[in-house]
Amino acid sequence: QLTESDIMIPIESFEEPWVLFRGKDGRAGCVRDECAHRACPLSLGTVVDGRIQCPYHGWEYNTGGKCEKMPSTRPLKTGIRALPCIEQDGMVWIWPGDETPAATLPSLLPPENYTIHAEIVLELPVEHGLLMENLLDLAHAPFTHTSTFAKGWSVPNMVKFKTPMQALSGNWDPYPIDMAFQPPCMVLSTIGLVKPGKLDGSSTASCSKHLHQLHVCMPSSRGKTRLMYRWLWTLPNGRSMPYIDRVWTHLANQVLNEDLRLVEGQQDRMKRGANVWQTPVG
């Protein structure tokens, strides 16, 4: 979303306010969304020459959090907290911890021969762990996603999640679906699918066409998640038609909304004292 030099993106991470913007060198930075002067949210201001300008008195901060400009007063040496910030594979990563983060980040590049058809960012009123549990559970597909990709799916007598002991990944038998959890908060899925209601083969390896989904579920505050969703197909010429991006985005939103109404309902019941694990099955 940081496509222009004057764009700011306010976010919450673990109930703390931050704002993303690009500095003079074009690199993304993340600083606390709070002016050191009168605590005004900086995200209400503007970006001027690679510095974020407070809308109250015009104080300007670089991506390192240093205040470089104080109009109408004698300059003071002050600043705001800035987080380590790395841009990779179309994502901006921040590190809210105290220690220096590891240099290695998981790759979010699309798999070979896949084309990105939709990218969506949503602020959701659900806890991120509950959302990830939903995304990793494909046994619900023929009951929940009846108007999108699982339309017409048969309901098997038994659904098994086969996974090696050393990995957080596996496949759903008898569906041609591979699932994986990738730290810190990502869920990936690959579905052998030609069109809604038609699965392709008994395993993803035997399929000719695939739908691939990436979900990045960032905990923003208590009971809230910032979801970054990427939808990819191996279908040829999937983006050649005029306005086709809007169609793909609409379909991706449909899939998400089928899940969200259930997860939001679960969270509401949890707040009322319900136990979502009261009857585990295996």
Protein backbone atom coordinates (compact mmCIF):
# COMPACT_ATOMS: atom_id res chain seq x y z
CA GLN A 1 0.00 0.00 0.00
CA LEU A 2 3.03 2.31 0.31
CA THR A 3 3.02 2.96 -3.41
CA GLU A 4 3.60 6.74 -3.27
CA SER A 5 6.10 8.87 -1.34
CA ASP A 6 3.36 10.87 0.41
CA ILE A 7 1.31 7.92 1.68
CA MET A 8 1.02 7.07 5.38
CA ILE A 9 -0.49 3.89 6.82
CA PRO A 10 -1.52 3.96 10.50
CA ILE A 11 -1.57 0.54 12.16
CA GLU A 12 -1.88 -0.98 15.61
CA SER A 13 0.47 -3.70 16.84
CA PHE A 14 -0.17 -5.27 20.23
CA GLU A 15 -2.37 -2.30 21.18
CA GLU A 16 0.27 0.31 20.35
CA PRO A 17 -0.18 2.91 17.56
CA TRP A 18 2.36 3.09 14.72
CA VAL A 19 2.51 4.71 11.30
CA LEU A 20 4.32 3.57 8.15
CA PHE A 21 5.74 5.94 5.53
CA ARG A 22 8.66 6.26 3.13
CA GLY A 23 11.73 8.36 3.87
CA LYS A 24 13.86 10.49 1.55
CA ASP A 25 15.70 7.38 0.35
CA GLY A 26 12.42 5.66 -0.59
CA ARG A 27 12.73 3.06 2.13
CA ALA A 28 9.79 2.21 4.36
CA GLY A 29 9.93 3.26 8.00
CA CYS A 30 7.72 2.74 11.04
CA VAL A 31 7.47 5.24 13.92
CA ARG A 32 5.17 5.65 16.88
CA ASP A 33 2.01 7.46 15.81
CA GLU A 34 2.36 10.13 18.48
CA CYS A 35 4.16 13.48 18.31
CA ALA A 36 6.80 14.08 20.98
CA HIS A 37 5.40 17.59 21.49
CA ARG A 38 1.69 17.27 22.37
CA ALA A 39 1.01 13.58 21.59
CA CYS A 40 -1.03 14.38 18.46
CA PRO A 41 -1.42 11.40 16.07
CA LEU A 42 1.12 11.95 13.30
CA SER A 43 -1.02 9.95 10.86
CA LEU A 44 -3.40 12.94 10.76
CA GLY A 45 -0.63 14.98 9.15
CA THR A 46 1.31 14.70 5.89
CA VAL A 47 4.62 13.43 4.52
CA VAL A 48 6.95 16.28 3.47
CA ASP A 49 10.27 15.50 1.76
CA GLY A 50 10.48 12.06 3.35
CA ARG A 51 9.53 13.28 6.84
CA ILE A 52 6.20 12.86 8.58
CA GLN A 53 4.81 16.23 9.65
CA CYS A 54 2.59 16.68 12.69
CA PRO A 55 -0.64 18.54 11.80
CA TYR A 56 -0.65 20.44 15.13
CA HIS A 57 2.59 22.48 15.13
CA GLY A 58 4.50 21.15 12.12
CA TRP A 59 7.19 19.10 13.85
CA GLU A 60 8.77 16.70 11.33
CA TYR A 61 10.28 13.24 11.95
CA ASN A 62 12.41 10.98 9.77
CA THR A 63 11.96 7.20 9.52
CA GLY A 64 14.41 6.76 12.40
CA GLY A 65 12.13 8.76 14.70
CA LYS A 66 14.44 11.80 14.95
CA CYS A 67 12.72 15.20 14.98
CA GLU A 68 14.45 17.19 12.23
CA LYS A 69 12.25 20.29 12.12
CA MET A 70 10.51 22.42 14.79
CA PRO A 71 8.92 25.56 13.33
CA SER A 72 8.36 28.67 15.47
CA THR A 73 10.57 27.60 18.39
CA ARG A 74 14.16 26.91 19.39
CA PRO A 75 15.12 23.40 18.22
CA LEU A 76 15.37 20.67 20.86
CA LYS A 77 17.04 17.29 20.58
CA THR A 78 14.10 14.91 20.73
CA GLY A 79 12.36 12.14 18.81
CA ILE A 80 9.92 9.25 18.92
CA ARG A 81 10.38 5.49 18.95
CA ALA A 82 11.02 3.81 15.59
CA LEU A 83 10.81 0.08 14.88
CA PRO A 84 13.16 -2.01 12.73
CA CYS A 85 11.51 -2.16 9.32
CA ILE A 86 12.32 -4.44 6.35
CA GLU A 87 10.61 -4.58 2.96
CA GLN A 88 10.58 -7.93 1.16
CA ASP A 89 8.36 -9.69 -1.40
CA GLY A 90 5.81 -6.89 -1.46
CA MET A 91 5.40 -6.87 2.34
CA VAL A 92 6.71 -4.43 4.95
CA TRP A 93 7.86 -6.21 8.12
CA ILE A 94 8.17 -4.49 11.50
CA TRP A 95 9.73 -5.79 14.70
CA PRO A 96 8.11 -4.51 17.95
CA GLY A 97 10.46 -6.46 20.23
CA ASP A 98 13.41 -5.15 22.23
CA GLU A 99 16.09 -7.38 20.73
CA THR A 100 17.46 -7.15 17.17
CA PRO A 101 15.37 -9.40 14.89
CA ALA A 102 16.87 -12.25 12.89
CA ALA A 103 17.90 -11.28 9.37
CA THR A 104 16.12 -14.26 7.77
CA LEU A 105 12.50 -13.72 6.77
CA PRO A 106 10.20 -16.30 5.14
CA SER A 107 9.75 -15.78 1.41
CA LEU A 108 6.29 -14.57 0.36
CA LEU A 109 6.99 -14.64 -3.37
CA PRO A 110 4.28 -16.35 -5.43
CA PRO A 111 5.05 -19.97 -6.31
CA GLU A 112 6.34 -20.61 -9.81
CA ASN A 113 3.73 -20.24 -12.59
CA TYR A 114 1.25 -18.48 -10.28
CA THR A 115 -0.27 -15.07 -10.98
CA ILE A 116 -1.46 -12.72 -8.22
CA HIS A 117 -5.10 -11.84 -8.90
CA ALA A 118 -6.12 -10.06 -5.70
CA GLU A 119 -4.46 -8.50 -2.65
CA ILE A 120 -6.68 -7.34 0.21
CA VAL A 121 -5.94 -5.71 3.57
CA LEU A 122 -8.66 -5.81 6.22
CA GLU A 123 -9.00 -4.80 9.86
CA LEU A 124 -11.04 -7.58 11.47
CA PRO A 125 -12.80 -7.67 14.86
CA VAL A 126 -11.51 -11.20 15.64
CA GLU A 127 -8.56 -12.60 17.61
CA HIS A 128 -5.74 -13.67 15.28
CA GLY A 129 -5.36 -17.18 16.75
CA LEU A 130 -9.05 -17.92 16.23
CA LEU A 131 -8.78 -16.71 12.63
CA MET A 132 -5.74 -18.89 11.90
CA GLU A 133 -7.48 -21.95 13.36
CA ASN A 134 -10.34 -21.34 10.93
CA LEU A 135 -7.98 -20.99 7.96
CA LEU A 136 -6.17 -24.25 8.79
CA ASP A 137 -9.45 -26.18 9.12
CA LEU A 138 -10.66 -27.22 5.67
CA ALA A 139 -13.19 -29.75 6.99
CA HIS A 140 -15.64 -26.84 7.09
CA ALA A 141 -15.32 -26.02 3.37
CA PRO A 142 -18.34 -27.98 1.96
CA PHE A 143 -20.59 -26.43 4.61
CA THR A 144 -19.25 -22.85 4.73
CA HIS A 145 -17.98 -22.03 1.25
CA THR A 146 -21.10 -23.13 -0.59
CA SER A 147 -21.26 -20.07 -2.85
CA THR A 148 -17.55 -19.90 -3.77
CA PHE A 149 -14.75 -22.40 -4.30
CA ALA A 150 -16.40 -25.36 -2.49
CA LYS A 151 -19.77 -25.08 -4.20
CA GLY A 152 -20.97 -28.58 -5.04
CA TRP A 153 -18.32 -30.43 -3.04
CA SER A 154 -19.42 -33.80 -1.69
CA VAL A 155 -19.20 -34.40 2.07
CA PRO A 156 -16.84 -37.32 2.83
CA ASN A 157 -17.41 -39.80 5.65
CA MET A 158 -14.05 -38.87 7.17
CA VAL A 159 -11.60 -36.00 6.63
CA LYS A 160 -7.99 -36.63 7.69
CA PHE A 161 -5.22 -34.07 8.07
CA LYS A 162 -1.96 -35.85 7.24
CA THR A 163 1.17 -34.08 8.44
CA PRO A 164 4.76 -35.09 9.19
CA MET A 165 5.69 -34.80 12.85
CA GLN A 166 8.54 -32.38 12.17
CA ALA A 167 6.52 -29.88 10.13
CA LEU A 168 3.58 -27.52 10.59
CA SER A 169 2.07 -28.51 7.27
CA GLY A 170 0.05 -31.28 5.69
CA ASN A 171 -2.74 -32.20 3.30
CA TRP A 172 -6.46 -32.81 3.73
CA ASP A 173 -7.46 -36.32 2.67
CA PRO A 174 -9.56 -36.92 0.52
CA TYR A 175 -9.38 -33.33 -0.80
CA PRO A 176 -6.49 -32.14 -3.04
CA ILE A 177 -5.60 -29.42 -0.51
CA ASP A 178 -2.23 -28.63 1.06
CA MET A 179 -2.07 -26.45 4.19
CA ALA A 180 0.83 -24.91 6.09
CA PHE A 181 1.42 -22.64 9.08
CA GLN A 182 4.49 -20.43 8.77
CA PRO A 183 5.74 -18.43 11.75
CA PRO A 184 5.07 -15.89 12.98
CA CYS A 185 1.46 -15.61 11.81
CA MET A 186 0.92 -16.90 8.27
CA VAL A 187 -1.33 -19.58 6.78
CA LEU A 188 -0.83 -20.85 3.24
CA SER A 189 -3.11 -23.14 1.27
CA THR A 190 -3.01 -24.71 -2.19
CA ILE A 191 -6.16 -26.22 -3.69
CA GLY A 192 -6.36 -28.33 -6.84
CA LEU A 193 -9.31 -26.56 -8.40
CA VAL A 194 -10.49 -25.91 -11.95
CA LYS A 195 -13.67 -23.99 -11.14
CA PRO A 196 -16.14 -23.69 -8.22
CA GLY A 197 -17.61 -27.10 -7.45
CA LYS A 198 -14.95 -29.05 -9.35
CA LEU A 199 -11.90 -30.44 -7.60
CA ASP A 200 -9.01 -31.59 -9.78
CA GLY A 201 -7.43 -34.90 -8.73
CA SER A 202 -6.91 -36.54 -5.34
CA SER A 203 -3.74 -34.61 -4.43
CA THR A 204 -2.30 -31.22 -5.37
CA ALA A 205 0.63 -32.96 -7.09
CA SER A 206 -1.76 -34.65 -9.50
CA CYS A 207 -3.69 -31.47 -10.30
CA SER A 208 -3.29 -29.40 -13.45
CA LYS A 209 -4.64 -26.10 -12.03
CA HIS A 210 -4.39 -24.60 -8.55
CA LEU A 211 -5.74 -21.86 -6.31
CA HIS A 212 -3.13 -20.59 -3.82
CA GLN A 213 -3.95 -18.40 -0.83
CA LEU A 214 -1.68 -16.50 1.56
CA HIS A 215 -3.06 -15.12 4.83
CA VAL A 216 -0.90 -12.93 7.07
CA CYS A 217 -2.75 -12.54 10.38
CA MET A 218 -1.13 -9.76 12.42
CA PRO A 219 -2.47 -9.21 15.97
CA SER A 220 -3.24 -5.49 16.15
CA SER A 221 -5.00 -5.18 19.50
CA ARG A 222 -7.04 -7.30 21.88
CA GLY A 223 -9.60 -9.21 19.83
CA LYS A 224 -8.55 -7.57 16.54
CA THR A 225 -6.46 -8.69 13.56
CA ARG A 226 -4.95 -6.94 10.56
CA LEU A 227 -5.34 -9.47 7.73
CA MET A 228 -3.27 -9.28 4.55
CA TYR A 229 -4.71 -11.68 1.99
CA ARG A 230 -3.22 -12.68 -1.36
CA TRP A 231 -5.16 -14.77 -3.90
CA LEU A 232 -3.30 -16.52 -6.75
CA TRP A 233 -4.27 -18.79 -9.65
CA THR A 234 -2.42 -20.88 -12.22
CA LEU A 235 -5.20 -20.25 -14.74
CA PRO A 236 -3.83 -18.84 -18.03
CA ASN A 237 -4.75 -15.29 -19.10
CA GLY A 238 -6.40 -14.69 -15.73
CA ARG A 239 -5.72 -10.93 -15.84
CA SER A 240 -6.06 -10.15 -19.53
CA MET A 241 -9.70 -8.97 -19.50
CA PRO A 242 -10.59 -5.33 -18.69
CA TYR A 243 -11.49 -4.78 -15.01
CA ILE A 244 -10.82 -8.47 -14.24
CA ASP A 245 -8.91 -7.42 -11.10
CA ARG A 246 -12.18 -6.14 -9.63
CA VAL A 247 -13.84 -9.48 -10.35
CA TRP A 248 -11.04 -11.43 -8.64
CA THR A 249 -11.10 -9.08 -5.64
CA HIS A 250 -14.87 -9.49 -5.35
CA LEU A 251 -14.52 -13.29 -5.39
CA ALA A 252 -11.72 -13.20 -2.81
CA ASN A 253 -13.88 -11.03 -0.54
CA GLN A 254 -16.74 -13.50 -0.91
CA VAL A 255 -14.52 -16.35 0.33
CA LEU A 256 -13.31 -14.30 3.29
CA ASN A 257 -16.81 -13.17 4.26
CA GLU A 258 -18.03 -16.77 4.37
CA ASP A 259 -15.42 -17.44 7.07
CA LEU A 260 -15.67 -14.15 8.94
CA ARG A 261 -19.35 -14.37 9.82
CA LEU A 262 -18.63 -17.68 11.59
CA VAL A 263 -15.45 -16.60 13.37
CA GLU A 264 -17.01 -13.33 14.52
CA GLY A 265 -19.91 -15.36 15.90
CA GLN A 266 -17.48 -17.68 17.72
CA GLN A 267 -15.69 -14.74 19.31
CA ASP A 268 -18.99 -13.26 20.46
CA ARG A 269 -19.89 -16.55 22.17
CA MET A 270 -16.41 -16.75 23.75
CA LYS A 271 -16.96 -13.31 25.28
CA ARG A 272 -20.18 -14.70 26.75
CA GLY A 273 -18.27 -17.59 28.34
CA ALA A 274 -18.48 -20.32 25.69
CA ASN A 275 -15.67 -22.88 25.25
CA VAL A 276 -14.85 -23.36 21.56
CA TRP A 277 -12.94 -26.58 22.39
CA GLN A 278 -15.63 -28.18 24.55
CA THR A 279 -16.08 -31.19 22.22
CA PRO A 280 -12.76 -32.01 20.49
CA VAL A 281 -12.78 -34.72 17.83
CA GLY A 282 -10.04 -36.70 16.14
